[in-house]
Amino acid sequence: MRVLFAPDWRNGVPYQVLLAKALERLNVQVSFLSGYRRVLPLARLMSTVGDCDILHMHWPEAYFPNKGDHFDWFRSARFPVDLARGTRSCRLVMTAHNFHIHNREQEPFVEMAVKYAYRKASVTFAHSAAAKRQLVEAFGLIPERIRVISHGDLSVELGPPLPKCTARKRLNLRSETVALMFGTVEPYKGLEEVINWWQMARPKATLAIVGRPTTAAYGAKILHRIGDASNIRYRPNWLSQDDLRLWLSAADVVVFNYREIFTSGAASLARSFGIPLLIPRRLTTIALDEPSPYVQRFTSLETDFAEALSAATAVKPDFAAATTWREACNWDDVARVTLDGYVSAIG
C-alpha cells in the first residue's frame, strides 16, 4: 500500500514522522507531498508524484494559506475544486488535528473548505470520542467513517527528561516554581489573559513563555503586555528539540489557556513527560486520561485558576508515573488503527 502524507510539515511537527515510521513497520510505504504551486496547488503537486492508494491529509490549510493579500478568499474558495481534482485516482483520509483553522475563523470560505474536506474523506481519524461527536454534529459526517485514535506519544522524539537541576542551570533559572507555556506564540492560545492574571495575582511561581511568535507584531504585543513584570520570562525564540526538552525538564507545571482547540499535541507531550498541567474545562475534546492529579481543569482565570495552580504545583513532575499513559498511546498501536482505516477506505 502506498500512502502520501500531505502537507509535508515534518520540520515543525513530529507527528507525521513518528506515524510514518510506525506504518512502515507494517509494510506501508509512506511518502510526503512537499512544496506549493500556484492556481491549483494540490492537484498540480499530485500530478507529479505518481500513483498512490491513499492521500492522508493532516492540515488542509496548507493549500489555502493566508498570505495577507487580496486573494486569501480565492485560495479558500478554490480548495474544494483543487481537492476533488487532486484525489481523482486515490482515496482521501483525514486526521482531525483541528476543527477550526487557528486564528482564521472569520475568513470567508475557510469553514466551507474544511467542511468539504471532511465530508469527502472516506475515513477520518479523531483523537477522542468527544471530537468524533463534534465532527458528526457539525459537519453531518457518518459516524462509522470516523475512527477514534490516540494522539501518539511525542516524547519518543525527545527522550526522557534531564535532571531538573541540570536543566535549570543550562537555562539560568533559579530555584523558583516554574509554570511553562511553550510552543508557537499566537493569539488563540490566550497568552495575554494569563499574563494579565500573573501580573495582578502575583503567584509564587514564575511564568515562562517560550516559543517563536507567529508575527513580529504579535511578538511585540506580548512583550509590551509583559512590560517590566519580574515574575514573567519571555523567550521568543524557535524551540529546537533540545531546547524543548530542557524547558520541559525544568518546568514544575505546564499551563494551557487555549480559547478554542480540537486536540493538543503540546498537552499530550506534557502528559507523556509526567508534568502536571492546567487546562480549561471548556476544551472537552482533548483526552488526557482523567481524572488524574496530573491534569487540573479550571473554569476561568477569574474564578478557580488559582486553586488549580495550587493543586498542580503540589504534584511533583514524574516521568515514570506517566508510563501507563505513554504505553496507551504508543505509535505501533496508533499505526495499526490507522492501517485498518486505510483498508476500510480502499474498500
Protein backbone atom coordinates (compact mmCIF):
# COMPACT_ATOMS: atom_id res chain seq x y z
CA MET A 1 0.00 0.00 0.00
CA ARG A 2 1.31 3.44 -0.91
CA VAL A 3 0.25 6.39 1.24
CA LEU A 4 1.00 10.05 0.68
CA PHE A 5 1.03 12.40 3.68
CA ALA A 6 0.02 15.99 2.96
CA PRO A 7 1.28 18.56 3.60
CA ASP A 8 4.91 17.80 4.39
CA TRP A 9 5.22 19.52 7.76
CA ARG A 10 7.90 17.24 9.20
CA ASN A 11 10.16 20.14 10.15
CA GLY A 12 7.71 21.71 12.58
CA VAL A 13 5.56 18.79 13.77
CA PRO A 14 6.92 15.36 14.82
CA TYR A 15 3.51 13.67 14.50
CA GLN A 16 3.90 12.79 10.81
CA VAL A 17 7.42 11.39 11.17
CA LEU A 18 6.52 9.15 14.11
CA LEU A 19 3.34 7.84 12.46
CA ALA A 20 5.14 7.22 9.14
CA LYS A 21 7.88 5.19 10.86
CA ALA A 22 5.30 3.05 12.65
CA LEU A 23 3.32 2.49 9.44
CA GLU A 24 6.47 1.45 7.60
CA ARG A 25 6.96 -1.25 10.23
CA LEU A 26 3.60 -2.58 8.97
CA ASN A 27 4.84 -2.56 5.36
CA VAL A 28 3.01 0.63 4.40
CA GLN A 29 5.01 2.81 2.03
CA VAL A 30 4.72 6.43 3.20
CA SER A 31 5.94 9.47 1.29
CA PHE A 32 5.35 13.19 1.74
CA LEU A 33 3.78 15.76 -0.56
CA SER A 34 6.22 18.65 -0.47
CA GLY A 35 6.09 22.13 -1.93
CA TYR A 36 3.41 24.52 -3.12
CA ARG A 37 2.24 25.50 -6.59
CA ARG A 38 0.03 28.32 -7.76
CA VAL A 39 -3.56 28.13 -9.07
CA LEU A 40 -4.41 24.53 -8.04
CA PRO A 41 -1.53 23.64 -5.70
CA LEU A 42 -2.74 20.25 -4.50
CA ALA A 43 -3.84 18.92 -7.89
CA ARG A 44 -0.67 20.12 -9.59
CA LEU A 45 1.54 18.55 -6.92
CA MET A 46 -0.40 15.28 -7.07
CA SER A 47 0.16 15.10 -10.81
CA THR A 48 3.92 14.86 -10.22
CA VAL A 49 4.08 12.06 -7.66
CA GLY A 50 2.65 9.08 -9.49
CA ASP A 51 0.06 6.63 -8.23
CA CYS A 52 -0.90 6.27 -4.58
CA ASP A 53 -3.66 4.42 -2.79
CA ILE A 54 -4.33 6.95 -0.02
CA LEU A 55 -3.88 10.70 0.27
CA HIS A 56 -3.72 11.23 4.02
CA MET A 57 -4.45 14.90 4.66
CA HIS A 58 -3.31 16.30 8.01
CA TRP A 59 -3.57 20.07 7.68
CA PRO A 60 -5.60 21.14 4.61
CA GLU A 61 -4.94 24.84 5.27
CA ALA A 62 -1.50 24.38 3.71
CA TYR A 63 -3.29 24.54 0.34
CA PHE A 64 -5.28 27.69 1.09
CA PRO A 65 -2.75 29.76 3.07
CA ASN A 66 -3.41 33.24 4.37
CA LYS A 67 -0.85 35.50 2.71
CA GLY A 68 -2.44 38.78 3.72
CA ASP A 69 -3.29 39.82 0.17
CA HIS A 70 -6.48 40.27 -1.84
CA PHE A 71 -6.55 36.62 -2.89
CA ASP A 72 -6.92 34.94 0.50
CA TRP A 73 -10.66 34.43 -0.07
CA PHE A 74 -9.99 32.95 -3.51
CA ARG A 75 -7.48 30.42 -2.22
CA SER A 76 -10.05 29.14 0.29
CA ALA A 77 -12.91 29.18 -2.24
CA ARG A 78 -10.95 27.17 -4.83
CA PHE A 79 -9.89 24.44 -2.38
CA PRO A 80 -12.86 22.07 -2.96
CA VAL A 81 -12.12 22.05 -6.69
CA ASP A 82 -8.41 21.57 -6.03
CA LEU A 83 -9.05 18.69 -3.62
CA ALA A 84 -11.53 16.99 -5.94
CA ARG A 85 -9.08 17.10 -8.83
CA GLY A 86 -6.17 16.01 -6.68
CA THR A 87 -7.92 12.88 -5.38
CA ARG A 88 -9.46 11.57 -8.61
CA SER A 89 -7.30 8.44 -8.56
CA CYS A 90 -6.93 7.78 -4.81
CA ARG A 91 -8.90 7.75 -1.58
CA LEU A 92 -8.85 10.69 0.80
CA VAL A 93 -8.28 10.10 4.52
CA MET A 94 -8.25 12.94 7.06
CA THR A 95 -6.80 13.33 10.54
CA ALA A 96 -8.81 15.86 12.52
CA HIS A 97 -5.95 17.73 14.19
CA ASN A 98 -8.08 20.90 14.15
CA PHE A 99 -11.75 21.74 13.99
CA HIS A 100 -11.29 25.39 13.03
CA ILE A 101 -8.15 26.66 11.35
CA HIS A 102 -6.24 28.56 14.04
CA ASN A 103 -6.77 32.34 14.02
CA ARG A 104 -8.79 32.15 10.76
CA GLU A 105 -12.36 31.51 11.89
CA GLN A 106 -13.70 34.75 10.42
CA GLU A 107 -12.17 34.43 6.95
CA PRO A 108 -14.56 33.90 4.02
CA PHE A 109 -14.83 30.33 2.69
CA VAL A 110 -12.41 28.79 5.24
CA GLU A 111 -15.13 26.87 7.10
CA MET A 112 -16.60 25.74 3.78
CA ALA A 113 -13.20 24.42 2.66
CA VAL A 114 -12.68 22.45 5.87
CA LYS A 115 -16.20 21.03 5.83
CA TYR A 116 -15.77 19.88 2.23
CA ALA A 117 -12.56 18.03 3.08
CA TYR A 118 -14.12 16.15 5.98
CA ARG A 119 -17.23 15.24 4.02
CA LYS A 120 -15.20 13.99 1.07
CA ALA A 121 -12.92 11.80 3.21
CA SER A 122 -13.56 8.07 3.14
CA VAL A 123 -12.23 7.83 6.71
CA THR A 124 -11.46 10.48 9.32
CA PHE A 125 -9.34 9.92 12.42
CA ALA A 126 -10.34 11.81 15.58
CA HIS A 127 -8.30 11.93 18.77
CA SER A 128 -11.19 11.48 21.23
CA ALA A 129 -14.79 10.29 21.38
CA ALA A 130 -15.86 13.89 22.09
CA ALA A 131 -14.02 15.06 18.96
CA LYS A 132 -15.83 12.41 16.94
CA ARG A 133 -19.22 13.59 18.23
CA GLN A 134 -18.40 17.20 17.35
CA LEU A 135 -17.40 16.25 13.80
CA VAL A 136 -20.62 14.30 13.33
CA GLU A 137 -22.80 17.09 14.69
CA ALA A 138 -21.07 19.99 12.95
CA PHE A 139 -20.38 18.50 9.52
CA GLY A 140 -23.02 15.79 9.25
CA LEU A 141 -20.41 13.05 8.93
CA ILE A 142 -21.31 9.36 9.03
CA PRO A 143 -20.20 8.08 12.48
CA GLU A 144 -18.96 4.77 11.09
CA ARG A 145 -16.46 6.62 8.91
CA ILE A 146 -14.74 8.23 11.91
CA ARG A 147 -12.14 6.23 13.83
CA VAL A 148 -11.09 7.30 17.32
CA ILE A 149 -7.33 7.07 17.67
CA SER A 150 -4.92 8.15 20.40
CA HIS A 151 -2.75 11.14 19.63
CA GLY A 152 0.55 9.27 19.86
CA ASP A 153 3.46 9.72 22.25
CA LEU A 154 5.52 12.73 21.15
CA SER A 155 8.07 12.25 23.93
CA VAL A 156 9.83 9.48 21.98
CA GLU A 157 11.43 12.20 19.83
CA LEU A 158 12.87 13.96 22.89
CA GLY A 159 13.92 11.16 25.18
CA PRO A 160 13.39 11.22 28.96
CA PRO A 161 13.76 14.47 30.90
CA LEU A 162 17.08 15.70 32.21
CA PRO A 163 17.58 16.15 35.95
CA LYS A 164 15.78 19.33 36.91
CA CYS A 165 18.86 20.92 38.43
CA THR A 166 20.81 20.33 35.19
CA ALA A 167 18.09 21.79 33.00
CA ARG A 168 17.66 24.85 35.19
CA LYS A 169 21.37 25.51 35.30
CA ARG A 170 21.53 25.48 31.49
CA LEU A 171 18.54 27.83 31.28
CA ASN A 172 19.82 30.17 34.02
CA LEU A 173 16.74 29.57 36.12
CA ARG A 174 16.69 29.91 39.87
CA SER A 175 15.02 27.51 42.28
CA GLU A 176 11.60 29.14 41.91
CA THR A 177 8.48 27.26 40.80
CA VAL A 178 8.27 27.46 37.00
CA ALA A 179 4.94 27.47 35.14
CA LEU A 180 5.63 26.89 31.46
CA MET A 181 3.69 27.95 28.37
CA PHE A 182 5.51 26.58 25.33
CA GLY A 183 5.09 26.44 21.58
CA THR A 184 4.34 28.98 18.88
CA VAL A 185 3.19 32.28 20.37
CA GLU A 186 -0.13 33.13 18.71
CA PRO A 187 -3.47 34.74 19.61
CA TYR A 188 -5.71 31.67 20.02
CA LYS A 189 -3.61 30.40 22.94
CA GLY A 190 -4.92 33.01 25.41
CA LEU A 191 -1.47 34.19 26.47
CA GLU A 192 -2.49 37.77 27.11
CA GLU A 193 -5.12 36.78 29.66
CA VAL A 194 -2.62 34.60 31.55
CA ILE A 195 -0.07 37.44 31.55
CA ASN A 196 -2.69 39.82 33.00
CA TRP A 197 -3.58 37.32 35.71
CA TRP A 198 0.08 36.72 36.61
CA GLN A 199 0.70 40.44 36.97
CA MET A 200 -2.34 41.01 39.16
CA ALA A 201 -2.37 37.83 41.28
CA ARG A 202 1.42 37.60 41.66
CA PRO A 203 1.51 33.87 42.47
CA LYS A 204 4.58 32.24 44.00
CA ALA A 205 5.68 30.98 40.61
CA THR A 206 7.49 32.33 37.57
CA LEU A 207 5.60 32.22 34.27
CA ALA A 208 7.88 31.23 31.38
CA ILE A 209 6.52 31.87 27.87
CA VAL A 210 8.78 30.09 25.41
CA GLY A 211 8.37 29.96 21.64
CA ARG A 212 8.59 31.95 18.45
CA PRO A 213 5.70 34.35 17.72
CA THR A 214 3.72 33.91 14.52
CA THR A 215 4.39 37.54 13.56
CA ALA A 216 6.79 40.21 14.75
CA ALA A 217 3.81 42.45 15.53
CA TYR A 218 2.23 39.87 17.82
CA GLY A 219 5.56 39.19 19.49
CA ALA A 220 5.93 42.90 20.18
CA LYS A 221 2.41 42.98 21.59
CA ILE A 222 3.23 40.20 24.04
CA LEU A 223 6.47 41.90 25.05
CA HIS A 224 4.61 45.16 25.67
CA ARG A 225 1.93 43.36 27.69
CA ILE A 226 4.57 41.77 29.93
CA GLY A 227 6.28 45.11 30.49
CA ASP A 228 8.61 45.05 33.48
CA ALA A 229 6.89 42.18 35.30
CA SER A 230 9.62 40.43 37.27
CA ASN A 231 7.67 37.18 37.62
CA ILE A 232 7.32 36.56 33.86
CA ARG A 233 10.06 35.39 31.47
CA TYR A 234 9.62 35.60 27.72
CA ARG A 235 11.91 33.73 25.32
CA PRO A 236 10.63 34.49 21.79
CA ASN A 237 12.87 32.00 20.01
CA TRP A 238 12.30 28.94 17.87
CA LEU A 239 12.26 25.87 20.11
CA SER A 240 14.59 23.14 18.89
CA GLN A 241 14.02 19.60 20.15
CA ASP A 242 16.91 20.06 22.60
CA ASP A 243 15.52 23.38 23.86
CA LEU A 244 12.07 21.90 24.33
CA ARG A 245 13.48 19.00 26.31
CA LEU A 246 15.36 21.45 28.54
CA TRP A 247 12.27 23.53 29.28
CA LEU A 248 10.07 20.51 29.94
CA SER A 249 12.74 19.13 32.25
CA ALA A 250 12.90 22.43 34.15
CA ALA A 251 9.16 23.04 34.49
CA ASP A 252 7.05 22.34 37.56
CA VAL A 253 3.73 22.76 35.74
CA VAL A 254 2.57 23.49 32.20
CA VAL A 255 -0.24 26.00 31.57
CA PHE A 256 -2.68 25.96 28.65
CA ASN A 257 -5.35 28.60 28.11
CA TYR A 258 -6.46 27.95 24.54
CA ARG A 259 -9.56 29.91 23.67
CA GLU A 260 -10.59 27.03 21.46
CA ILE A 261 -8.76 23.93 20.25
CA PHE A 262 -9.71 20.48 19.00
CA THR A 263 -6.69 18.44 20.02
CA SER A 264 -3.37 19.37 21.56
CA GLY A 265 -0.06 17.70 20.86
CA ALA A 266 1.51 20.01 23.44
CA ALA A 267 -0.85 18.84 26.20
CA SER A 268 -0.26 15.23 25.19
CA LEU A 269 3.50 15.82 25.34
CA ALA A 270 3.30 17.36 28.82
CA ARG A 271 1.24 14.34 29.88
CA SER A 272 3.90 11.98 28.46
CA PHE A 273 6.59 13.79 30.45
CA GLY A 274 4.60 13.41 33.66
CA ILE A 275 4.36 17.16 34.22
CA PRO A 276 1.23 18.45 35.98
CA LEU A 277 -0.76 20.61 33.60
CA LEU A 278 -3.57 23.15 33.83
CA ILE A 279 -6.15 23.30 31.06
CA PRO A 280 -9.62 24.87 30.69
CA ARG A 281 -12.71 22.75 31.27
CA ARG A 282 -14.20 24.10 28.03
CA LEU A 283 -11.71 22.09 25.95
CA THR A 284 -13.77 18.92 26.14
CA THR A 285 -12.34 17.28 23.01
CA ILE A 286 -8.83 16.92 24.47
CA ALA A 287 -8.47 13.46 26.01
CA LEU A 288 -5.87 13.27 28.81
CA ASP A 289 -6.90 10.13 30.75
CA GLU A 290 -8.78 11.91 33.50
CA PRO A 291 -9.34 12.11 36.40
CA SER A 292 -5.69 12.41 37.24
CA PRO A 293 -3.71 14.56 39.67
CA TYR A 294 -1.51 15.42 36.68
CA VAL A 295 -4.43 17.16 34.94
CA GLN A 296 -6.05 20.14 36.66
CA ARG A 297 -9.04 21.67 34.89
CA PHE A 298 -10.19 25.25 35.56
CA THR A 299 -13.30 27.14 34.55
CA SER A 300 -11.74 30.57 34.15
CA LEU A 301 -8.81 32.66 35.26
CA GLU A 302 -11.16 34.82 37.32
CA THR A 303 -12.76 32.00 39.29
CA ASP A 304 -10.76 28.85 40.01
CA PHE A 305 -7.44 29.14 38.18
CA ALA A 306 -5.52 29.98 41.37
CA GLU A 307 -6.92 26.87 43.05
CA ALA A 308 -5.97 24.71 40.06
CA LEU A 309 -2.46 26.18 40.02
CA SER A 310 -2.03 25.40 43.70
CA ALA A 311 -3.20 21.82 43.17
CA ALA A 312 -0.89 21.36 40.18
CA THR A 313 2.20 22.68 41.95
CA ALA A 314 1.53 20.29 44.83
CA VAL A 315 2.14 17.38 42.42
CA LYS A 316 5.78 16.76 41.50
CA PRO A 317 6.74 16.03 37.88
CA ASP A 318 7.41 12.31 37.48
CA PHE A 319 8.33 10.77 34.12
CA ALA A 320 7.94 7.23 35.48
CA ALA A 321 4.41 7.97 36.67
CA ALA A 322 3.40 8.62 33.04
CA THR A 323 4.46 5.15 31.85
CA THR A 324 0.89 3.90 31.57
CA TRP A 325 -0.08 6.97 29.52
CA ARG A 326 2.86 6.50 27.14
CA GLU A 327 2.09 2.81 26.68
CA ALA A 328 -1.55 3.60 25.90
CA CYS A 329 -0.57 5.96 23.06
CA ASN A 330 2.39 4.10 21.61
CA TRP A 331 2.90 4.56 17.87
CA ASP A 332 2.64 0.89 16.89
CA ASP A 333 -0.94 0.78 18.20
CA VAL A 334 -1.70 4.10 16.50
CA ALA A 335 -0.34 2.71 13.23
CA ARG A 336 -2.44 -0.46 13.44
CA VAL A 337 -5.64 1.53 13.84
CA THR A 338 -4.52 3.83 11.02
CA LEU A 339 -3.84 0.92 8.68
CA ASP A 340 -7.24 -0.56 9.46
CA GLY A 341 -8.74 2.79 8.44
CA TYR A 342 -6.80 2.76 5.18
CA VAL A 343 -8.04 -0.73 4.33
CA SER A 344 -11.60 0.38 5.05
CA ALA A 345 -11.17 3.48 2.86
CA ILE A 346 -9.97 1.41 -0.08
CA GLY A 347 -12.90 -0.92 0.44
